[in-house]
C-alpha cells in the first residue's frame, strides 16, 4: 500500500489549495486518516484528522480554515486549505492509521505561502 500526496505549490497569503492523498491498494480496518505538516526546523504536527466514525479534529491554528474529507470510491482523502497564511508554509504529509495497528505515510507535498 502506498499513499501519494499531491496538490502542493506556491500560493499567496489569503489563497486556497486542495491537497489530495490517493491510496494505491486496499487498506482495511481504517481507524483514522489525517494530514500533518512539518516546517523547517520544527516538529511534525497534526493539522487535520478524520476518524472512521466521521469525527474530525483540528488544532486551533487551522480550525475554520482547513477541512479534511475523503472519497471512499476513489480511495482518496483531501485537505481543503483556505485563508492560507505564511505560517502554513510546510511540507504536508498524509497518514492512515488502522486498527491492526498499522500506520501508512505519504511522501509529502510542499506548500509555500508568500506574504
N, C-alpha and C. Protein backbone atom coordinates (compact mmCIF):
# COMPACT_ATOMS: atom_id res chain seq x y z
N UNK A 1 0.84 -1.19 0.00
CA UNK A 1 0.00 0.00 0.00
C UNK A 1 0.88 1.24 0.00
N UNK A 2 0.56 2.17 -0.87
CA UNK A 2 1.29 3.44 -0.92
C UNK A 2 0.31 4.60 -0.91
N UNK A 3 0.72 5.68 -0.24
CA UNK A 3 -0.07 6.91 -0.24
C UNK A 3 0.68 7.94 -1.07
N UNK A 4 -0.03 8.54 -2.02
CA UNK A 4 0.57 9.53 -2.91
C UNK A 4 -0.09 10.88 -2.65
N UNK A 5 0.66 11.79 -2.04
CA UNK A 5 0.15 13.12 -1.77
C UNK A 5 0.48 14.06 -2.92
N UNK A 6 -0.43 14.96 -3.22
CA UNK A 6 -0.22 15.93 -4.30
C UNK A 6 -1.03 17.18 -4.01
N UNK A 7 -0.79 18.21 -4.82
CA UNK A 7 -1.57 19.43 -4.71
C UNK A 7 -0.84 20.60 -4.09
N UNK A 8 0.35 20.38 -3.58
CA UNK A 8 1.10 21.47 -3.00
C UNK A 8 1.57 22.45 -4.06
N UNK A 9 2.07 23.58 -3.59
CA UNK A 9 2.56 24.58 -4.51
C UNK A 9 2.75 25.91 -3.82
N UNK A 10 2.93 26.92 -4.64
CA UNK A 10 3.14 28.28 -4.14
C UNK A 10 1.83 29.06 -4.26
N UNK A 11 1.43 29.69 -3.17
CA UNK A 11 0.19 30.45 -3.17
C UNK A 11 0.39 31.71 -2.34
N UNK A 12 -0.32 32.76 -2.69
CA UNK A 12 -0.23 33.99 -1.92
C UNK A 12 -1.06 33.89 -0.65
N UNK A 13 -0.67 34.65 0.34
CA UNK A 13 -1.45 34.69 1.58
C UNK A 13 -2.89 35.05 1.27
N UNK A 14 -3.81 34.34 1.93
CA UNK A 14 -5.22 34.53 1.69
C UNK A 14 -5.79 33.59 0.65
N UNK A 15 -4.91 32.91 -0.06
CA UNK A 15 -5.34 31.99 -1.09
C UNK A 15 -5.74 30.63 -0.56
N UNK A 16 -6.06 29.73 -1.50
CA UNK A 16 -6.53 28.39 -1.16
C UNK A 16 -5.78 27.33 -1.95
N UNK A 17 -5.71 26.16 -1.38
CA UNK A 17 -5.16 24.98 -2.04
C UNK A 17 -5.95 23.76 -1.60
N UNK A 18 -5.99 22.77 -2.46
CA UNK A 18 -6.56 21.48 -2.08
C UNK A 18 -5.49 20.42 -2.23
N UNK A 19 -5.18 19.75 -1.15
CA UNK A 19 -4.24 18.64 -1.20
C UNK A 19 -5.02 17.33 -1.35
N UNK A 20 -4.43 16.41 -2.09
CA UNK A 20 -5.03 15.10 -2.27
C UNK A 20 -4.05 14.02 -1.81
N UNK A 21 -4.60 12.93 -1.36
CA UNK A 21 -3.79 11.78 -0.95
C UNK A 21 -4.49 10.52 -1.44
N UNK A 22 -3.92 9.93 -2.46
CA UNK A 22 -4.52 8.75 -3.06
C UNK A 22 -3.82 7.50 -2.56
N UNK A 23 -4.62 6.51 -2.18
CA UNK A 23 -4.07 5.25 -1.70
C UNK A 23 -4.12 4.21 -2.81
N UNK A 24 -2.99 3.60 -3.06
CA UNK A 24 -2.94 2.52 -4.03
C UNK A 24 -2.98 1.21 -3.26
N UNK A 25 -3.88 0.34 -3.63
CA UNK A 25 -4.06 -0.87 -2.87
C UNK A 25 -5.15 -0.69 -1.83
N UNK A 26 -5.58 -1.77 -1.25
CA UNK A 26 -6.67 -1.73 -0.29
C UNK A 26 -6.12 -1.63 1.13
N UNK A 27 -6.74 -0.77 1.89
CA UNK A 27 -6.39 -0.63 3.30
C UNK A 27 -7.62 -0.98 4.11
N UNK A 28 -7.49 -1.98 4.96
CA UNK A 28 -8.62 -2.46 5.73
C UNK A 28 -8.56 -1.95 7.16
N UNK A 29 -9.70 -1.92 7.77
CA UNK A 29 -9.82 -1.56 9.18
C UNK A 29 -9.19 -0.20 9.49
N UNK A 30 -9.58 0.80 8.70
CA UNK A 30 -9.05 2.14 8.92
C UNK A 30 -9.63 2.71 10.20
N UNK A 31 -8.75 3.16 11.07
CA UNK A 31 -9.16 3.80 12.32
C UNK A 31 -9.31 5.30 12.11
N UNK A 32 -8.32 5.87 11.46
CA UNK A 32 -8.35 7.31 11.23
C UNK A 32 -7.41 7.66 10.10
N UNK A 33 -7.66 8.80 9.49
CA UNK A 33 -6.76 9.34 8.49
C UNK A 33 -6.51 10.80 8.83
N UNK A 34 -5.36 11.28 8.44
CA UNK A 34 -5.05 12.64 8.82
C UNK A 34 -4.01 13.28 7.95
N UNK A 35 -3.88 14.57 8.15
CA UNK A 35 -2.85 15.37 7.49
C UNK A 35 -1.96 15.97 8.58
N UNK A 36 -0.67 15.93 8.32
CA UNK A 36 0.31 16.50 9.22
C UNK A 36 1.19 17.44 8.40
N UNK A 37 1.90 18.29 9.09
CA UNK A 37 2.83 19.17 8.39
C UNK A 37 4.10 19.35 9.20
N UNK A 38 5.16 19.65 8.48
CA UNK A 38 6.44 19.88 9.14
C UNK A 38 7.14 21.05 8.45
N UNK A 39 7.35 22.09 9.21
CA UNK A 39 8.08 23.25 8.72
C UNK A 39 9.56 23.05 9.03
N UNK A 40 10.44 23.72 8.29
CA UNK A 40 11.88 23.57 8.54
C UNK A 40 12.23 23.91 9.98
N UNK A 41 12.96 23.00 10.62
CA UNK A 41 13.39 23.23 11.98
C UNK A 41 12.34 22.97 13.04
N UNK A 42 11.18 22.50 12.62
CA UNK A 42 10.10 22.26 13.57
C UNK A 42 9.68 20.79 13.54
N UNK A 43 8.96 20.38 14.57
CA UNK A 43 8.46 19.02 14.62
C UNK A 43 7.21 18.87 13.75
N UNK A 44 6.99 17.66 13.34
CA UNK A 44 5.78 17.38 12.57
C UNK A 44 4.56 17.52 13.49
N UNK A 45 3.52 18.17 12.95
CA UNK A 45 2.34 18.40 13.76
C UNK A 45 1.08 18.01 12.99
N UNK A 46 0.07 17.65 13.75
CA UNK A 46 -1.23 17.31 13.18
C UNK A 46 -1.94 18.59 12.74
N UNK A 47 -2.56 18.55 11.56
CA UNK A 47 -3.39 19.67 11.13
C UNK A 47 -4.83 19.27 10.90
N UNK A 48 -5.10 18.00 10.68
CA UNK A 48 -6.47 17.58 10.50
C UNK A 48 -6.55 16.07 10.65
N UNK A 49 -7.63 15.61 11.27
CA UNK A 49 -7.80 14.18 11.49
C UNK A 49 -9.26 13.83 11.33
N UNK A 50 -9.51 12.71 10.65
CA UNK A 50 -10.85 12.23 10.40
C UNK A 50 -10.91 10.77 10.82
N UNK A 51 -11.81 10.46 11.75
CA UNK A 51 -11.90 9.08 12.24
C UNK A 51 -12.88 8.27 11.39
N UNK A 52 -12.89 6.98 11.64
CA UNK A 52 -13.76 6.08 10.88
C UNK A 52 -15.23 6.33 11.14
N UNK A 53 -15.55 6.98 12.25
CA UNK A 53 -16.95 7.28 12.55
C UNK A 53 -17.32 8.70 12.15
N UNK A 54 -16.38 9.38 11.50
CA UNK A 54 -16.70 10.68 10.94
C UNK A 54 -16.38 11.90 11.79
N UNK A 55 -15.79 11.69 12.94
CA UNK A 55 -15.44 12.85 13.75
C UNK A 55 -14.13 13.46 13.26
N UNK A 56 -14.02 14.75 13.41
CA UNK A 56 -12.85 15.47 12.94
C UNK A 56 -12.16 16.19 14.10
N UNK A 57 -10.91 16.47 13.88
CA UNK A 57 -10.12 17.16 14.89
C UNK A 57 -9.15 18.09 14.19
N UNK A 58 -9.14 19.34 14.61
CA UNK A 58 -8.22 20.35 14.04
C UNK A 58 -7.58 21.13 15.18
N UNK A 59 -6.33 21.45 15.06
CA UNK A 59 -5.73 22.36 16.04
C UNK A 59 -6.27 23.77 15.84
N UNK A 60 -6.16 24.58 16.86
CA UNK A 60 -6.69 25.94 16.77
C UNK A 60 -6.04 26.74 15.63
N UNK A 61 -4.81 26.41 15.32
CA UNK A 61 -4.09 27.17 14.29
C UNK A 61 -4.74 27.07 12.92
N UNK A 62 -5.50 26.02 12.65
CA UNK A 62 -6.11 25.86 11.33
C UNK A 62 -7.63 25.73 11.39
N UNK A 63 -8.18 25.66 12.58
CA UNK A 63 -9.62 25.47 12.72
C UNK A 63 -10.37 26.60 12.03
N UNK A 64 -11.37 26.20 11.25
CA UNK A 64 -12.15 27.17 10.50
C UNK A 64 -11.57 27.50 9.14
N UNK A 65 -10.33 27.09 8.90
CA UNK A 65 -9.70 27.37 7.60
C UNK A 65 -9.44 26.09 6.81
N UNK A 66 -9.15 25.00 7.51
CA UNK A 66 -8.83 23.73 6.85
C UNK A 66 -9.99 22.75 7.04
N UNK A 67 -10.21 21.92 6.02
CA UNK A 67 -11.24 20.89 6.10
C UNK A 67 -10.72 19.59 5.51
N UNK A 68 -10.83 18.53 6.26
CA UNK A 68 -10.42 17.22 5.78
C UNK A 68 -11.65 16.46 5.31
N UNK A 69 -11.49 15.70 4.23
CA UNK A 69 -12.60 14.90 3.72
C UNK A 69 -12.03 13.67 3.02
N UNK A 70 -12.92 12.76 2.66
CA UNK A 70 -12.48 11.55 1.98
C UNK A 70 -13.50 11.16 0.92
N UNK A 71 -13.01 10.48 -0.10
CA UNK A 71 -13.86 9.91 -1.14
C UNK A 71 -13.53 8.43 -1.18
N UNK A 72 -14.39 7.62 -0.59
CA UNK A 72 -14.11 6.19 -0.50
C UNK A 72 -14.04 5.53 -1.87
N UNK A 73 -14.86 5.99 -2.79
CA UNK A 73 -14.88 5.39 -4.12
C UNK A 73 -13.55 5.59 -4.85
N UNK A 74 -12.88 6.69 -4.53
CA UNK A 74 -11.61 7.00 -5.18
C UNK A 74 -10.40 6.66 -4.30
N UNK A 75 -10.66 6.11 -3.10
CA UNK A 75 -9.54 5.80 -2.19
C UNK A 75 -8.66 7.02 -1.97
N UNK A 76 -9.31 8.16 -1.81
CA UNK A 76 -8.57 9.42 -1.73
C UNK A 76 -9.10 10.28 -0.59
N UNK A 77 -8.19 10.94 0.09
CA UNK A 77 -8.59 11.93 1.06
C UNK A 77 -8.05 13.29 0.64
N UNK A 78 -8.68 14.32 1.17
CA UNK A 78 -8.37 15.68 0.74
C UNK A 78 -8.16 16.59 1.96
N UNK A 79 -7.46 17.67 1.69
CA UNK A 79 -7.35 18.73 2.68
C UNK A 79 -7.60 20.04 1.95
N UNK A 80 -8.75 20.63 2.22
CA UNK A 80 -9.07 21.93 1.67
C UNK A 80 -8.49 22.98 2.61
N UNK A 81 -7.65 23.84 2.07
CA UNK A 81 -6.99 24.87 2.88
C UNK A 81 -7.37 26.24 2.34
N UNK A 82 -8.03 27.01 3.17
CA UNK A 82 -8.45 28.37 2.81
C UNK A 82 -7.75 29.40 3.68
N UNK A 83 -7.80 30.62 3.23
CA UNK A 83 -7.22 31.74 4.00
C UNK A 83 -5.81 31.40 4.47
N UNK A 84 -5.00 30.93 3.55
CA UNK A 84 -3.66 30.49 3.90
C UNK A 84 -2.80 31.65 4.39
N UNK A 85 -1.94 31.30 5.33
CA UNK A 85 -1.03 32.27 5.95
C UNK A 85 0.41 31.84 5.72
N UNK A 86 1.34 32.77 5.76
CA UNK A 86 2.75 32.38 5.60
C UNK A 86 3.18 31.30 6.59
N UNK A 87 2.62 31.32 7.79
CA UNK A 87 2.99 30.31 8.78
C UNK A 87 2.45 28.93 8.47
N UNK A 88 1.62 28.81 7.43
CA UNK A 88 1.17 27.49 6.98
C UNK A 88 2.20 26.83 6.06
N UNK A 89 3.24 27.56 5.72
CA UNK A 89 4.28 27.01 4.86
C UNK A 89 4.94 25.81 5.53
N UNK A 90 4.93 24.68 4.83
CA UNK A 90 5.46 23.44 5.38
C UNK A 90 5.33 22.34 4.33
N UNK A 91 5.93 21.22 4.61
CA UNK A 91 5.68 20.02 3.84
C UNK A 91 4.53 19.28 4.51
N UNK A 92 3.52 18.95 3.75
CA UNK A 92 2.32 18.32 4.27
C UNK A 92 2.34 16.82 3.94
N UNK A 93 2.02 16.03 4.94
CA UNK A 93 2.02 14.58 4.82
C UNK A 93 0.65 14.02 5.16
N UNK A 94 0.23 13.03 4.40
CA UNK A 94 -0.99 12.32 4.76
C UNK A 94 -0.62 11.04 5.51
N UNK A 95 -1.55 10.59 6.28
CA UNK A 95 -1.30 9.43 7.13
C UNK A 95 -2.60 8.66 7.34
N UNK A 96 -2.48 7.34 7.36
CA UNK A 96 -3.62 6.48 7.66
C UNK A 96 -3.23 5.53 8.78
N UNK A 97 -4.08 5.43 9.78
CA UNK A 97 -3.89 4.50 10.89
C UNK A 97 -4.98 3.44 10.83
N UNK A 98 -4.58 2.20 11.00
CA UNK A 98 -5.57 1.13 11.02
C UNK A 98 -5.70 0.57 12.43
N UNK A 99 -6.69 -0.30 12.61
CA UNK A 99 -6.92 -0.93 13.91
C UNK A 99 -5.96 -2.07 14.18
N UNK A 100 -5.11 -2.44 13.22
CA UNK A 100 -4.31 -3.67 13.35
C UNK A 100 -3.32 -3.66 14.50
N UNK A 101 -2.51 -2.69 14.82
CA UNK A 101 -2.47 -1.37 14.18
C UNK A 101 -1.34 -1.25 13.15
N UNK A 102 -1.59 -0.48 12.12
CA UNK A 102 -0.56 -0.14 11.15
C UNK A 102 -0.68 1.34 10.83
N UNK A 103 0.41 1.92 10.41
CA UNK A 103 0.42 3.33 10.02
C UNK A 103 1.08 3.48 8.67
N UNK A 104 0.42 4.23 7.79
CA UNK A 104 0.94 4.49 6.46
C UNK A 104 1.14 6.00 6.30
N UNK A 105 2.26 6.38 5.72
CA UNK A 105 2.56 7.79 5.45
C UNK A 105 2.71 8.03 3.96
N UNK A 106 2.24 9.19 3.53
CA UNK A 106 2.52 9.63 2.19
C UNK A 106 3.89 10.29 2.14
N UNK A 107 4.33 10.64 0.94
CA UNK A 107 5.69 11.13 0.77
C UNK A 107 5.84 12.62 1.04
N UNK A 108 4.75 13.34 1.19
CA UNK A 108 4.84 14.76 1.48
C UNK A 108 4.69 15.62 0.24
N UNK A 109 4.03 16.74 0.42
CA UNK A 109 3.90 17.72 -0.66
C UNK A 109 4.11 19.10 -0.06
N UNK A 110 4.91 19.91 -0.72
CA UNK A 110 5.34 21.19 -0.18
C UNK A 110 4.33 22.28 -0.47
N UNK A 111 3.96 22.99 0.57
CA UNK A 111 3.08 24.16 0.45
C UNK A 111 3.87 25.39 0.89
N UNK A 112 3.93 26.37 0.01
CA UNK A 112 4.63 27.62 0.32
C UNK A 112 3.64 28.76 0.18
N UNK A 113 3.49 29.53 1.25
CA UNK A 113 2.57 30.65 1.25
C UNK A 113 3.38 31.93 1.34
N UNK A 114 3.27 32.75 0.31
CA UNK A 114 4.02 34.00 0.28
C UNK A 114 3.21 35.14 0.88
N UNK A 115 3.90 36.06 1.50
CA UNK A 115 3.21 37.20 2.14
C UNK A 115 3.02 38.35 1.18
